């Protein structure tokens, strides 16, 4: 049996339904990210688990126990907010100790637990400082220690890194993952940053319009998107329109060029339009590239992005981007030049709406 279960969870604010039949089973010790744009319902689901919002319908259980009737302080759940929410008039030590004091724990036990938590986040030397004397990354680590101090069953993280600069975000997300793994605590991480979700999650829930469009591992979400939304939201993607020529042999046509897919198009009829997805990193201009498929077109533009050069080409009205490694000895193709893009047919995915 799963540790945390969400069954047919729904939430409406007046006539607006913001979460629609959300279902998920989360295992003990699993790190799950809710990924999606603003307004998709991911934070609302998190707040219902925490007890800050009541579901309009559905069931929530932790270790088989129905938590819906419980108040937030009765659920044994730790939460870290985007805005830190530290008490400005308390030291680091007292912020971390706050929940334990409210629970009536003995002073000796509180001091030992705070020391343990501050050692875990490598801030033991700053126990007597106040939040205003610390950087944003340090404050967020203190908020994490405070959430973990009471030994919660579940840890909830609501976009905890969005207020930090890019370099600190990367180091802190890695630290959060290491701490989560060392403690074995079941964790839900809400983010709109796909790189964050892909880099640290056991599984990802891609949310769209109050629903879970797809639930899967980072590898599954990136490489085999289940819907057009997932395909377009996670990573950079080419969306290509093609005509079905012979569904029996998976033969399609992009512009005036024929391609045989690995994926079945048997559900379509000859003449139907089909949407295909291709990642920019899947193709190459090099003749030595392992490939079984190629498309020829005219270069539209080439943009320098540091380690790669993203080139765009027109194939039968479809503008397809592909990435070339930046090499001083290789000149990128110029606009108007005819080039041939080589790739594996298995990388060309059929996307159903």
C-alpha atoms as a PDB file:
ATOM      1  CA  UNK A   1       0.000   0.000   0.000  1.00  0.00           C
ATOM      2  CA  UNK A   2       1.253   3.497  -0.839  1.00  0.00           C
ATOM      3  CA  UNK A   3       2.290   5.864   1.938  1.00  0.00           C
ATOM      4  CA  UNK A   4       0.495   9.025   0.748  1.00  0.00           C
ATOM      5  CA  UNK A   5      -2.633   8.595  -1.364  1.00  0.00           C
ATOM      6  CA  UNK A   6      -4.673  11.243  -3.159  1.00  0.00           C
ATOM      7  CA  UNK A   7      -7.885   9.830  -4.595  1.00  0.00           C
ATOM      8  CA  UNK A   8     -10.231  11.831  -6.847  1.00  0.00           C
ATOM      9  CA  UNK A   9      -9.154  15.082  -5.167  1.00  0.00           C
ATOM     10  CA  UNK A  10     -11.181  18.091  -6.299  1.00  0.00           C
ATOM     11  CA  UNK A  11     -11.154  21.736  -5.302  1.00  0.00           C
ATOM     12  CA  UNK A  12     -13.457  24.549  -6.356  1.00  0.00           C
ATOM     13  CA  UNK A  13     -13.440  28.220  -5.454  1.00  0.00           C
ATOM     14  CA  UNK A  14     -17.010  29.256  -6.088  1.00  0.00           C
ATOM     15  CA  UNK A  15     -17.932  28.168  -9.630  1.00  0.00           C
ATOM     16  CA  UNK A  16     -14.278  27.702 -10.653  1.00  0.00           C
ATOM     17  CA  UNK A  17     -12.885  24.185 -10.352  1.00  0.00           C
ATOM     18  CA  UNK A  18      -9.122  24.526  -9.925  1.00  0.00           C
ATOM     19  CA  UNK A  19      -8.293  20.857  -9.207  1.00  0.00           C
ATOM     20  CA  UNK A  20     -10.106  18.135 -11.140  1.00  0.00           C
ATOM     21  CA  UNK A  21     -10.076  14.470 -10.106  1.00  0.00           C
ATOM     22  CA  UNK A  22      -6.433  14.394  -9.056  1.00  0.00           C
ATOM     23  CA  UNK A  23      -5.168  10.868  -8.316  1.00  0.00           C
ATOM     24  CA  UNK A  24      -1.740   9.780  -7.140  1.00  0.00           C
ATOM     25  CA  UNK A  25      -0.087   7.227  -4.866  1.00  0.00           C
ATOM     26  CA  UNK A  26       3.277   8.250  -3.382  1.00  0.00           C
ATOM     27  CA  UNK A  27       5.641   5.745  -1.778  1.00  0.00           C
ATOM     28  CA  UNK A  28       7.434   6.257   1.515  1.00  0.00           C
ATOM     29  CA  UNK A  29      10.719   8.102   0.978  1.00  0.00           C
ATOM     30  CA  UNK A  30       9.832   9.161  -2.568  1.00  0.00           C
ATOM     31  CA  UNK A  31      10.683  12.616  -3.923  1.00  0.00           C
ATOM     32  CA  UNK A  32       7.859  13.828  -6.183  1.00  0.00           C
ATOM     33  CA  UNK A  33       7.742  17.159  -8.012  1.00  0.00           C
ATOM     34  CA  UNK A  34       4.557  18.915  -9.104  1.00  0.00           C
ATOM     35  CA  UNK A  35       5.523  20.768 -12.271  1.00  0.00           C
ATOM     36  CA  UNK A  36       3.405  23.200 -14.238  1.00  0.00           C
ATOM     37  CA  UNK A  37       2.702  26.837 -15.103  1.00  0.00           C
ATOM     38  CA  UNK A  38       1.162  29.354 -12.718  1.00  0.00           C
ATOM     39  CA  UNK A  39      -2.498  28.655 -12.073  1.00  0.00           C
ATOM     40  CA  UNK A  40      -2.394  24.940 -12.956  1.00  0.00           C
ATOM     41  CA  UNK A  41      -3.401  23.826  -9.434  1.00  0.00           C
ATOM     42  CA  UNK A  42      -0.110  22.434  -8.131  1.00  0.00           C
ATOM     43  CA  UNK A  43       0.107  24.684  -5.041  1.00  0.00           C
ATOM     44  CA  UNK A  44      -3.588  24.119  -4.301  1.00  0.00           C
ATOM     45  CA  UNK A  45      -2.972  20.358  -4.135  1.00  0.00           C
ATOM     46  CA  UNK A  46      -0.025  20.986  -1.814  1.00  0.00           C
ATOM     47  CA  UNK A  47      -2.132  23.205   0.453  1.00  0.00           C
ATOM     48  CA  UNK A  48      -4.843  20.551   0.649  1.00  0.00           C
ATOM     49  CA  UNK A  49      -2.266  17.984   1.783  1.00  0.00           C
ATOM     50  CA  UNK A  50      -1.011  20.464   4.398  1.00  0.00           C
ATOM     51  CA  UNK A  51      -4.548  21.214   5.583  1.00  0.00           C
ATOM     52  CA  UNK A  52      -4.594  24.897   4.596  1.00  0.00           C
ATOM     53  CA  UNK A  53      -7.379  24.177   2.092  1.00  0.00           C
ATOM     54  CA  UNK A  54     -10.212  21.659   2.353  1.00  0.00           C
ATOM     55  CA  UNK A  55     -10.906  19.464  -0.683  1.00  0.00           C
ATOM     56  CA  UNK A  56     -14.288  19.866  -2.327  1.00  0.00           C
ATOM     57  CA  UNK A  57     -14.215  16.134  -2.945  1.00  0.00           C
ATOM     58  CA  UNK A  58     -11.970  13.088  -2.737  1.00  0.00           C
ATOM     59  CA  UNK A  59      -9.822  11.383  -0.105  1.00  0.00           C
ATOM     60  CA  UNK A  60      -6.397  12.060   1.414  1.00  0.00           C
ATOM     61  CA  UNK A  61      -4.596   9.411   3.454  1.00  0.00           C
ATOM     62  CA  UNK A  62      -1.135   9.082   5.030  1.00  0.00           C
ATOM     63  CA  UNK A  63      -0.080   5.568   6.032  1.00  0.00           C
ATOM     64  CA  UNK A  64      -3.685   4.485   5.586  1.00  0.00           C
ATOM     65  CA  UNK A  65      -5.084   7.179   7.895  1.00  0.00           C
ATOM     66  CA  UNK A  66      -7.650   9.694   6.632  1.00  0.00           C
ATOM     67  CA  UNK A  67      -6.154  13.136   7.291  1.00  0.00           C
ATOM     68  CA  UNK A  68      -9.007  15.223   5.851  1.00  0.00           C
ATOM     69  CA  UNK A  69     -10.646  15.851   9.280  1.00  0.00           C
ATOM     70  CA  UNK A  70      -7.325  16.883  10.865  1.00  0.00           C
ATOM     71  CA  UNK A  71      -6.149  20.469  11.332  1.00  0.00           C
ATOM     72  CA  UNK A  72      -2.767  21.441   9.866  1.00  0.00           C
ATOM     73  CA  UNK A  73      -0.991  21.151  13.258  1.00  0.00           C
ATOM     74  CA  UNK A  74      -2.385  17.614  13.691  1.00  0.00           C
ATOM     75  CA  UNK A  75      -1.080  16.172  10.411  1.00  0.00           C
ATOM     76  CA  UNK A  76       2.638  15.820  11.227  1.00  0.00           C
ATOM     77  CA  UNK A  77       3.586  17.539   7.986  1.00  0.00           C
ATOM     78  CA  UNK A  78       6.497  19.947   7.525  1.00  0.00           C
ATOM     79  CA  UNK A  79       6.212  22.778   5.018  1.00  0.00           C
ATOM     80  CA  UNK A  80       8.741  25.154   3.509  1.00  0.00           C
ATOM     81  CA  UNK A  81       7.369  28.275   1.842  1.00  0.00           C
ATOM     82  CA  UNK A  82       8.697  30.348  -1.035  1.00  0.00           C
ATOM     83  CA  UNK A  83       9.087  33.435   1.192  1.00  0.00           C
ATOM     84  CA  UNK A  84      10.990  31.627   4.024  1.00  0.00           C
ATOM     85  CA  UNK A  85       8.449  32.809   6.689  1.00  0.00           C
ATOM     86  CA  UNK A  86      11.117  33.022   9.400  1.00  0.00           C
ATOM     87  CA  UNK A  87      10.380  34.997  12.549  1.00  0.00           C
ATOM     88  CA  UNK A  88      12.519  38.162  12.218  1.00  0.00           C
ATOM     89  CA  UNK A  89      12.752  38.709  15.995  1.00  0.00           C
ATOM     90  CA  UNK A  90      14.109  35.196  16.655  1.00  0.00           C
ATOM     91  CA  UNK A  91      17.591  33.814  16.214  1.00  0.00           C
ATOM     92  CA  UNK A  92      18.305  30.898  13.917  1.00  0.00           C
ATOM     93  CA  UNK A  93      18.295  28.576  16.925  1.00  0.00           C
ATOM     94  CA  UNK A  94      14.916  29.844  18.126  1.00  0.00           C
ATOM     95  CA  UNK A  95      13.365  29.684  14.640  1.00  0.00           C
ATOM     96  CA  UNK A  96      14.324  26.021  14.296  1.00  0.00           C
ATOM     97  CA  UNK A  97      13.191  25.319  17.869  1.00  0.00           C
ATOM     98  CA  UNK A  98       9.808  27.032  17.491  1.00  0.00           C
ATOM     99  CA  UNK A  99       7.708  24.006  16.532  1.00  0.00           C
ATOM    100  CA  UNK A 100       9.324  21.854  19.199  1.00  0.00           C
ATOM    101  CA  UNK A 101       8.572  24.452  21.884  1.00  0.00           C
ATOM    102  CA  UNK A 102       4.934  24.641  20.769  1.00  0.00           C
ATOM    103  CA  UNK A 103       4.791  20.838  21.067  1.00  0.00           C
ATOM    104  CA  UNK A 104       6.014  21.115  24.664  1.00  0.00           C
ATOM    105  CA  UNK A 105       9.265  19.217  24.217  1.00  0.00           C
ATOM    106  CA  UNK A 106      11.859  19.391  27.060  1.00  0.00           C
ATOM    107  CA  UNK A 107      14.580  22.035  26.646  1.00  0.00           C
ATOM    108  CA  UNK A 108      17.398  19.478  26.525  1.00  0.00           C
ATOM    109  CA  UNK A 109      15.633  17.566  23.747  1.00  0.00           C
ATOM    110  CA  UNK A 110      14.948  20.799  21.831  1.00  0.00           C
ATOM    111  CA  UNK A 111      18.555  21.970  22.048  1.00  0.00           C
ATOM    112  CA  UNK A 112      19.854  18.590  20.891  1.00  0.00           C
ATOM    113  CA  UNK A 113      17.454  18.457  17.958  1.00  0.00           C
ATOM    114  CA  UNK A 114      18.222  22.039  16.880  1.00  0.00           C
ATOM    115  CA  UNK A 115      21.948  21.303  17.004  1.00  0.00           C
ATOM    116  CA  UNK A 116      21.374  18.201  14.875  1.00  0.00           C
ATOM    117  CA  UNK A 117      19.315  20.122  12.304  1.00  0.00           C
ATOM    118  CA  UNK A 118      21.769  23.009  12.042  1.00  0.00           C
ATOM    119  CA  UNK A 119      24.602  20.527  11.528  1.00  0.00           C
ATOM    120  CA  UNK A 120      22.539  18.896   8.769  1.00  0.00           C
ATOM    121  CA  UNK A 121      22.276  22.210   6.887  1.00  0.00           C
ATOM    122  CA  UNK A 122      25.853  23.254   7.758  1.00  0.00           C
ATOM    123  CA  UNK A 123      24.811  26.382   9.658  1.00  0.00           C
ATOM    124  CA  UNK A 124      25.646  25.446  13.238  1.00  0.00           C
ATOM    125  CA  UNK A 125      28.048  28.385  13.458  1.00  0.00           C
ATOM    126  CA  UNK A 126      25.200  30.824  12.747  1.00  0.00           C
ATOM    127  CA  UNK A 127      22.814  29.670  15.493  1.00  0.00           C
ATOM    128  CA  UNK A 128      22.800  33.072  17.213  1.00  0.00           C
ATOM    129  CA  UNK A 129      22.216  35.184  14.109  1.00  0.00           C
ATOM    130  CA  UNK A 130      18.940  36.760  13.081  1.00  0.00           C
ATOM    131  CA  UNK A 131      17.352  36.250   9.640  1.00  0.00           C
ATOM    132  CA  UNK A 132      18.235  39.771   8.420  1.00  0.00           C
ATOM    133  CA  UNK A 133      21.914  38.942   8.988  1.00  0.00           C
ATOM    134  CA  UNK A 134      21.803  36.024   6.553  1.00  0.00           C
ATOM    135  CA  UNK A 135      21.645  35.511   2.787  1.00  0.00           C
ATOM    136  CA  UNK A 136      18.511  34.254   1.050  1.00  0.00           C
ATOM    137  CA  UNK A 137      20.002  30.796   0.593  1.00  0.00           C
ATOM    138  CA  UNK A 138      20.929  30.579   4.276  1.00  0.00           C
ATOM    139  CA  UNK A 139      17.449  31.692   5.326  1.00  0.00           C
ATOM    140  CA  UNK A 140      15.856  29.029   3.151  1.00  0.00           C
ATOM    141  CA  UNK A 141      18.072  26.354   4.691  1.00  0.00           C
ATOM    142  CA  UNK A 142      16.953  27.521   8.145  1.00  0.00           C
ATOM    143  CA  UNK A 143      13.321  27.239   7.006  1.00  0.00           C
ATOM    144  CA  UNK A 144      14.072  23.687   5.829  1.00  0.00           C
ATOM    145  CA  UNK A 145      15.673  22.809   9.183  1.00  0.00           C
ATOM    146  CA  UNK A 146      12.653  24.193  11.030  1.00  0.00           C
ATOM    147  CA  UNK A 147      10.294  22.071   8.923  1.00  0.00           C
ATOM    148  CA  UNK A 148      12.368  18.942   9.574  1.00  0.00           C
ATOM    149  CA  UNK A 149      12.964  19.506  13.295  1.00  0.00           C
ATOM    150  CA  UNK A 150       9.636  17.984  14.355  1.00  0.00           C
ATOM    151  CA  UNK A 151      10.333  14.777  12.371  1.00  0.00           C
ATOM    152  CA  UNK A 152       7.346  15.096  10.000  1.00  0.00           C
ATOM    153  CA  UNK A 153       5.986  12.162   8.036  1.00  0.00           C
ATOM    154  CA  UNK A 154       5.813  14.267   4.868  1.00  0.00           C
ATOM    155  CA  UNK A 155       7.795  17.322   3.744  1.00  0.00           C
ATOM    156  CA  UNK A 156       6.125  19.863   1.444  1.00  0.00           C
ATOM    157  CA  UNK A 157       8.188  22.417  -0.481  1.00  0.00           C
ATOM    158  CA  UNK A 158       6.269  25.225  -2.201  1.00  0.00           C
ATOM    159  CA  UNK A 159       8.592  26.760  -4.821  1.00  0.00           C
ATOM    160  CA  UNK A 160      11.301  27.198  -2.156  1.00  0.00           C
ATOM    161  CA  UNK A 161      14.021  28.284  -4.601  1.00  0.00           C
ATOM    162  CA  UNK A 162      12.219  30.758  -6.847  1.00  0.00           C
ATOM    163  CA  UNK A 163      13.399  33.852  -4.921  1.00  0.00           C
ATOM    164  CA  UNK A 164      17.080  32.888  -5.193  1.00  0.00           C
ATOM    165  CA  UNK A 165      19.575  33.584  -7.963  1.00  0.00           C
ATOM    166  CA  UNK A 166      20.391  30.847 -10.468  1.00  0.00           C
ATOM    167  CA  UNK A 167      23.706  29.645  -9.017  1.00  0.00           C
ATOM    168  CA  UNK A 168      22.362  29.389  -5.453  1.00  0.00           C
ATOM    169  CA  UNK A 169      19.233  27.606  -6.730  1.00  0.00           C
ATOM    170  CA  UNK A 170      21.324  24.851  -8.281  1.00  0.00           C
ATOM    171  CA  UNK A 171      23.463  24.254  -5.188  1.00  0.00           C
ATOM    172  CA  UNK A 172      20.507  24.430  -2.790  1.00  0.00           C
ATOM    173  CA  UNK A 173      18.306  22.053  -4.775  1.00  0.00           C
ATOM    174  CA  UNK A 174      21.134  19.511  -4.717  1.00  0.00           C
ATOM    175  CA  UNK A 175      21.475  20.021  -0.974  1.00  0.00           C
ATOM    176  CA  UNK A 176      17.722  19.557  -0.457  1.00  0.00           C
ATOM    177  CA  UNK A 177      17.839  16.299  -2.417  1.00  0.00           C
ATOM    178  CA  UNK A 178      20.821  15.016  -0.403  1.00  0.00           C
ATOM    179  CA  UNK A 179      19.095  15.844   2.890  1.00  0.00           C
ATOM    180  CA  UNK A 180      15.851  14.215   1.724  1.00  0.00           C
ATOM    181  CA  UNK A 181      17.677  11.035   0.736  1.00  0.00           C
ATOM    182  CA  UNK A 182      19.680  10.898   3.971  1.00  0.00           C
ATOM    183  CA  UNK A 183      16.500  11.215   6.064  1.00  0.00           C
ATOM    184  CA  UNK A 184      14.332   9.044   3.794  1.00  0.00           C
ATOM    185  CA  UNK A 185      11.443  11.485   4.153  1.00  0.00           C
ATOM    186  CA  UNK A 186       8.529  11.493   1.707  1.00  0.00           C
ATOM    187  CA  UNK A 187       8.722  14.834  -0.109  1.00  0.00           C
ATOM    188  CA  UNK A 188       6.578  16.832  -2.527  1.00  0.00           C
ATOM    189  CA  UNK A 189       8.284  19.710  -4.316  1.00  0.00           C
ATOM    190  CA  UNK A 190       6.237  22.304  -6.202  1.00  0.00           C
ATOM    191  CA  UNK A 191       7.997  24.151  -9.013  1.00  0.00           C
ATOM    192  CA  UNK A 192       7.444  25.753 -12.408  1.00  0.00           C
ATOM    193  CA  UNK A 193      11.123  25.178 -13.293  1.00  0.00           C
ATOM    194  CA  UNK A 194      11.436  22.071 -15.451  1.00  0.00           C
ATOM    195  CA  UNK A 195      15.196  21.772 -14.896  1.00  0.00           C
ATOM    196  CA  UNK A 196      14.668  21.632 -11.123  1.00  0.00           C
ATOM    197  CA  UNK A 197      12.038  18.935 -11.455  1.00  0.00           C
ATOM    198  CA  UNK A 198      14.034  16.847 -13.931  1.00  0.00           C
ATOM    199  CA  UNK A 199      17.255  16.995 -11.915  1.00  0.00           C
ATOM    200  CA  UNK A 200      16.111  15.951  -8.436  1.00  0.00           C
ATOM    201  CA  UNK A 201      12.842  14.002  -8.675  1.00  0.00           C
ATOM    202  CA  UNK A 202      12.042  10.321  -8.449  1.00  0.00           C
ATOM    203  CA  UNK A 203       8.788  11.092 -10.270  1.00  0.00           C
ATOM    204  CA  UNK A 204       7.214  14.198 -11.787  1.00  0.00           C
ATOM    205  CA  UNK A 205       3.556  15.193 -12.022  1.00  0.00           C
ATOM    206  CA  UNK A 206       3.033  17.563 -14.949  1.00  0.00           C
ATOM    207  CA  UNK A 207      -0.108  19.563 -14.171  1.00  0.00           C
ATOM    208  CA  UNK A 208      -2.258  21.432 -16.643  1.00  0.00           C
ATOM    209  CA  UNK A 209      -5.613  23.084 -15.978  1.00  0.00           C
ATOM    210  CA  UNK A 210      -6.144  21.377 -12.631  1.00  0.00           C
ATOM    211  CA  UNK A 211      -5.346  17.896 -13.902  1.00  0.00           C
ATOM    212  CA  UNK A 212      -2.291  15.650 -13.957  1.00  0.00           C
ATOM    213  CA  UNK A 213      -1.465  15.416 -17.662  1.00  0.00           C
ATOM    214  CA  UNK A 214       1.280  12.867 -17.014  1.00  0.00           C
ATOM    215  CA  UNK A 215       2.952  11.180 -14.030  1.00  0.00           C
ATOM    216  CA  UNK A 216       6.292   9.486 -14.579  1.00  0.00           C
ATOM    217  CA  UNK A 217      10.030   9.437 -14.019  1.00  0.00           C
ATOM    218  CA  UNK A 218      12.079  12.361 -15.382  1.00  0.00           C
ATOM    219  CA  UNK A 219      13.271  10.052 -18.181  1.00  0.00           C
ATOM    220  CA  UNK A 220       9.688   9.143 -19.133  1.00  0.00           C
ATOM    221  CA  UNK A 221       8.393  12.710 -18.927  1.00  0.00           C
ATOM    222  CA  UNK A 222      11.164  14.086 -21.131  1.00  0.00           C
ATOM    223  CA  UNK A 223      11.531  11.279 -23.664  1.00  0.00           C
ATOM    224  CA  UNK A 224       7.955  10.001 -24.020  1.00  0.00           C
ATOM    225  CA  UNK A 225       5.554  12.899 -23.358  1.00  0.00           C
ATOM    226  CA  UNK A 226       1.955  11.690 -23.202  1.00  0.00           C
ATOM    227  CA  UNK A 227       0.246  14.885 -24.404  1.00  0.00           C
ATOM    228  CA  UNK A 228       0.965  17.911 -26.543  1.00  0.00           C
ATOM    229  CA  UNK A 229       1.085  20.064 -23.403  1.00  0.00           C
ATOM    230  CA  UNK A 230       3.710  17.885 -21.700  1.00  0.00           C
ATOM    231  CA  UNK A 231       5.730  17.742 -24.894  1.00  0.00           C
ATOM    232  CA  UNK A 232       5.758  21.523 -25.258  1.00  0.00           C
ATOM    233  CA  UNK A 233       6.170  22.408 -21.572  1.00  0.00           C
ATOM    234  CA  UNK A 234       9.048  20.080 -20.661  1.00  0.00           C
ATOM    235  CA  UNK A 235      12.202  20.917 -22.565  1.00  0.00           C
ATOM    236  CA  UNK A 236      12.559  22.549 -25.973  1.00  0.00           C
ATOM    237  CA  UNK A 237      10.632  20.744 -28.643  1.00  0.00           C
ATOM    238  CA  UNK A 238       9.915  20.891 -32.357  1.00  0.00           C
ATOM    239  CA  UNK A 239       6.251  20.362 -33.229  1.00  0.00           C
ATOM    240  CA  UNK A 240       5.962  19.127 -36.803  1.00  0.00           C
ATOM    241  CA  UNK A 241       2.792  18.726 -38.885  1.00  0.00           C
ATOM    242  CA  UNK A 242       2.769  15.788 -41.303  1.00  0.00           C
ATOM    243  CA  UNK A 243       0.335  13.917 -43.548  1.00  0.00           C
ATOM    244  CA  UNK A 244      -0.325  10.204 -43.152  1.00  0.00           C
ATOM    245  CA  UNK A 245       0.482   8.434 -46.419  1.00  0.00           C
ATOM    246  CA  UNK A 246       0.150   4.731 -45.537  1.00  0.00           C
ATOM    247  CA  UNK A 247      -0.904   3.971 -41.946  1.00  0.00           C
ATOM    248  CA  UNK A 248      -0.306   0.237 -42.413  1.00  0.00           C
ATOM    249  CA  UNK A 249       3.471   0.788 -42.673  1.00  0.00           C
ATOM    250  CA  UNK A 250       3.619   4.011 -40.592  1.00  0.00           C
ATOM    251  CA  UNK A 251       4.537   6.073 -43.633  1.00  0.00           C
ATOM    252  CA  UNK A 252       4.050   9.841 -43.334  1.00  0.00           C
ATOM    253  CA  UNK A 253       5.054  12.903 -45.342  1.00  0.00           C
ATOM    254  CA  UNK A 254       6.633  16.119 -44.053  1.00  0.00           C
ATOM    255  CA  UNK A 255       6.298  18.704 -46.804  1.00  0.00           C
ATOM    256  CA  UNK A 256       7.260  16.700 -49.889  1.00  0.00           C
ATOM    257  CA  UNK A 257       9.585  14.312 -48.027  1.00  0.00           C
ATOM    258  CA  UNK A 258       8.555  10.828 -46.967  1.00  0.00           C
ATOM    259  CA  UNK A 259       9.443   9.337 -43.569  1.00  0.00           C
ATOM    260  CA  UNK A 260       8.711   5.938 -42.040  1.00  0.00           C
ATOM    261  CA  UNK A 261       7.993   6.157 -38.308  1.00  0.00           C
ATOM    262  CA  UNK A 262       8.802   3.589 -35.655  1.00  0.00           C
ATOM    263  CA  UNK A 263       5.638   4.563 -33.791  1.00  0.00           C
ATOM    264  CA  UNK A 264       2.313   3.297 -35.089  1.00  0.00           C
ATOM    265  CA  UNK A 265      -0.115   5.570 -36.951  1.00  0.00           C
ATOM    266  CA  UNK A 266      -2.600   2.754 -37.552  1.00  0.00           C
ATOM    267  CA  UNK A 267      -5.303   4.778 -35.780  1.00  0.00           C
ATOM    268  CA  UNK A 268      -5.160   7.372 -38.582  1.00  0.00           C
ATOM    269  CA  UNK A 269      -6.379   7.265 -42.176  1.00  0.00           C
ATOM    270  CA  UNK A 270      -4.405   8.159 -45.268  1.00  0.00           C
ATOM    271  CA  UNK A 271      -4.582  11.932 -45.707  1.00  0.00           C
ATOM    272  CA  UNK A 272      -4.998  12.669 -41.985  1.00  0.00           C
ATOM    273  CA  UNK A 273      -2.759  15.290 -40.361  1.00  0.00           C
ATOM    274  CA  UNK A 274      -0.578  14.016 -37.542  1.00  0.00           C
ATOM    275  CA  UNK A 275       1.493  16.018 -35.025  1.00  0.00           C
ATOM    276  CA  UNK A 276       5.069  14.901 -34.434  1.00  0.00           C
ATOM    277  CA  UNK A 277       7.627  15.930 -31.826  1.00  0.00           C
ATOM    278  CA  UNK A 278      11.399  16.050 -32.226  1.00  0.00           C
ATOM    279  CA  UNK A 279      13.926  17.259 -29.642  1.00  0.00           C
ATOM    280  CA  UNK A 280      16.585  19.707 -30.940  1.00  0.00           C
ATOM    281  CA  UNK A 281      19.402  17.501 -29.619  1.00  0.00           C
ATOM    282  CA  UNK A 282      18.166  14.469 -31.591  1.00  0.00           C
ATOM    283  CA  UNK A 283      19.405  15.683 -34.994  1.00  0.00           C
ATOM    284  CA  UNK A 284      22.767  16.434 -36.542  1.00  0.00           C
ATOM    285  CA  UNK A 285      24.170  17.643 -39.856  1.00  0.00           C
ATOM    286  CA  UNK A 286      27.204  15.335 -39.633  1.00  0.00           C
ATOM    287  CA  UNK A 287      27.144  12.508 -42.196  1.00  0.00           C
ATOM    288  CA  UNK A 288      28.792  10.225 -39.633  1.00  0.00           C
ATOM    289  CA  UNK A 289      25.823  10.579 -37.277  1.00  0.00           C
ATOM    290  CA  UNK A 290      24.083   7.234 -36.581  1.00  0.00           C
ATOM    291  CA  UNK A 291      20.752   7.725 -38.333  1.00  0.00           C
ATOM    292  CA  UNK A 292      18.051   6.046 -40.365  1.00  0.00           C
ATOM    293  CA  UNK A 293      16.060   9.153 -41.304  1.00  0.00           C
ATOM    294  CA  UNK A 294      16.861  12.523 -42.843  1.00  0.00           C
ATOM    295  CA  UNK A 295      15.116  15.761 -43.784  1.00  0.00           C
ATOM    296  CA  UNK A 296      16.449  18.426 -46.162  1.00  0.00           C
ATOM    297  CA  UNK A 297      15.575  22.089 -45.820  1.00  0.00           C
ATOM    298  CA  UNK A 298      16.779  25.682 -45.886  1.00  0.00           C
ATOM    299  CA  UNK A 299      18.449  27.328 -42.896  1.00  0.00           C
ATOM    300  CA  UNK A 300      16.384  30.153 -41.388  1.00  0.00           C
ATOM    301  CA  UNK A 301      18.771  31.290 -38.645  1.00  0.00           C
ATOM    302  CA  UNK A 302      21.540  30.220 -36.276  1.00  0.00           C
ATOM    303  CA  UNK A 303      21.750  31.495 -32.677  1.00  0.00           C
ATOM    304  CA  UNK A 304      24.840  31.262 -30.482  1.00  0.00           C
ATOM    305  CA  UNK A 305      23.898  29.915 -27.014  1.00  0.00           C
ATOM    306  CA  UNK A 306      27.345  29.321 -25.557  1.00  0.00           C
ATOM    307  CA  UNK A 307      28.101  25.611 -25.602  1.00  0.00           C
ATOM    308  CA  UNK A 308      25.635  25.027 -28.455  1.00  0.00           C
ATOM    309  CA  UNK A 309      24.458  26.792 -31.591  1.00  0.00           C
ATOM    310  CA  UNK A 310      20.726  26.435 -32.158  1.00  0.00           C
ATOM    311  CA  UNK A 311      19.990  26.376 -35.877  1.00  0.00           C
ATOM    312  CA  UNK A 312      16.501  26.635 -37.411  1.00  0.00           C
ATOM    313  CA  UNK A 313      15.596  25.161 -40.777  1.00  0.00           C
ATOM    314  CA  UNK A 314      12.430  25.185 -42.884  1.00  0.00           C
ATOM    315  CA  UNK A 315      11.094  21.818 -44.031  1.00  0.00           C
ATOM    316  CA  UNK A 316       7.818  21.995 -45.923  1.00  0.00           C
ATOM    317  CA  UNK A 317       6.583  24.950 -43.873  1.00  0.00           C
ATOM    318  CA  UNK A 318       7.744  23.436 -40.553  1.00  0.00           C
ATOM    319  CA  UNK A 319      10.525  25.349 -38.811  1.00  0.00           C
ATOM    320  CA  UNK A 320      12.705  22.730 -37.099  1.00  0.00           C
ATOM    321  CA  UNK A 321      15.393  23.641 -34.560  1.00  0.00           C
ATOM    322  CA  UNK A 322      18.461  21.501 -33.931  1.00  0.00           C
ATOM    323  CA  UNK A 323      21.524  21.973 -31.746  1.00  0.00           C
ATOM    324  CA  UNK A 324      25.156  21.922 -32.859  1.00  0.00           C
ATOM    325  CA  UNK A 325      28.023  21.820 -30.383  1.00  0.00           C
ATOM    326  CA  UNK A 326      29.995  25.048 -30.481  1.00  0.00           C
ATOM    327  CA  UNK A 327      33.352  24.203 -31.999  1.00  0.00           C
ATOM    328  CA  UNK A 328      35.845  26.892 -33.111  1.00  0.00           C
ATOM    329  CA  UNK A 329      36.732  24.760 -36.122  1.00  0.00           C
ATOM    330  CA  UNK A 330      33.166  24.356 -37.387  1.00  0.00           C
ATOM    331  CA  UNK A 331      31.305  27.239 -39.032  1.00  0.00           C
ATOM    332  CA  UNK A 332      27.525  27.086 -38.566  1.00  0.00           C
ATOM    333  CA  UNK A 333      25.439  27.104 -41.756  1.00  0.00           C
ATOM    334  CA  UNK A 334      24.275  30.469 -43.065  1.00  0.00           C
ATOM    335  CA  UNK A 335      20.672  31.583 -43.607  1.00  0.00           C
ATOM    336  CA  UNK A 336      19.367  30.305 -46.941  1.00  0.00           C
ATOM    337  CA  UNK A 337      21.813  27.413 -47.119  1.00  0.00           C
ATOM    338  CA  UNK A 338      20.383  23.957 -47.905  1.00  0.00           C
ATOM    339  CA  UNK A 339      21.233  21.383 -45.240  1.00  0.00           C
ATOM    340  CA  UNK A 340      20.287  17.796 -44.390  1.00  0.00           C
ATOM    341  CA  UNK A 341      19.318  16.905 -40.837  1.00  0.00           C
ATOM    342  CA  UNK A 342      19.972  13.285 -39.836  1.00  0.00           C
ATOM    343  CA  UNK A 343      18.319  11.501 -36.909  1.00  0.00           C
ATOM    344  CA  UNK A 344      16.765   8.212 -35.799  1.00  0.00           C
ATOM    345  CA  UNK A 345      13.122   7.629 -36.724  1.00  0.00           C
ATOM    346  CA  UNK A 346      12.505   6.474 -33.145  1.00  0.00           C
ATOM    347  CA  UNK A 347      13.151  10.059 -31.985  1.00  0.00           C
ATOM    348  CA  UNK A 348      10.176  11.329 -34.016  1.00  0.00           C
ATOM    349  CA  UNK A 349       7.199  10.910 -31.675  1.00  0.00           C
ATOM    350  CA  UNK A 350       3.497  10.985 -32.525  1.00  0.00           C
ATOM    351  CA  UNK A 351       1.732  13.435 -30.191  1.00  0.00           C
ATOM    352  CA  UNK A 352      -1.982  13.039 -29.584  1.00  0.00           C
ATOM    353  CA  UNK A 353      -4.014  15.941 -28.192  1.00  0.00           C
END
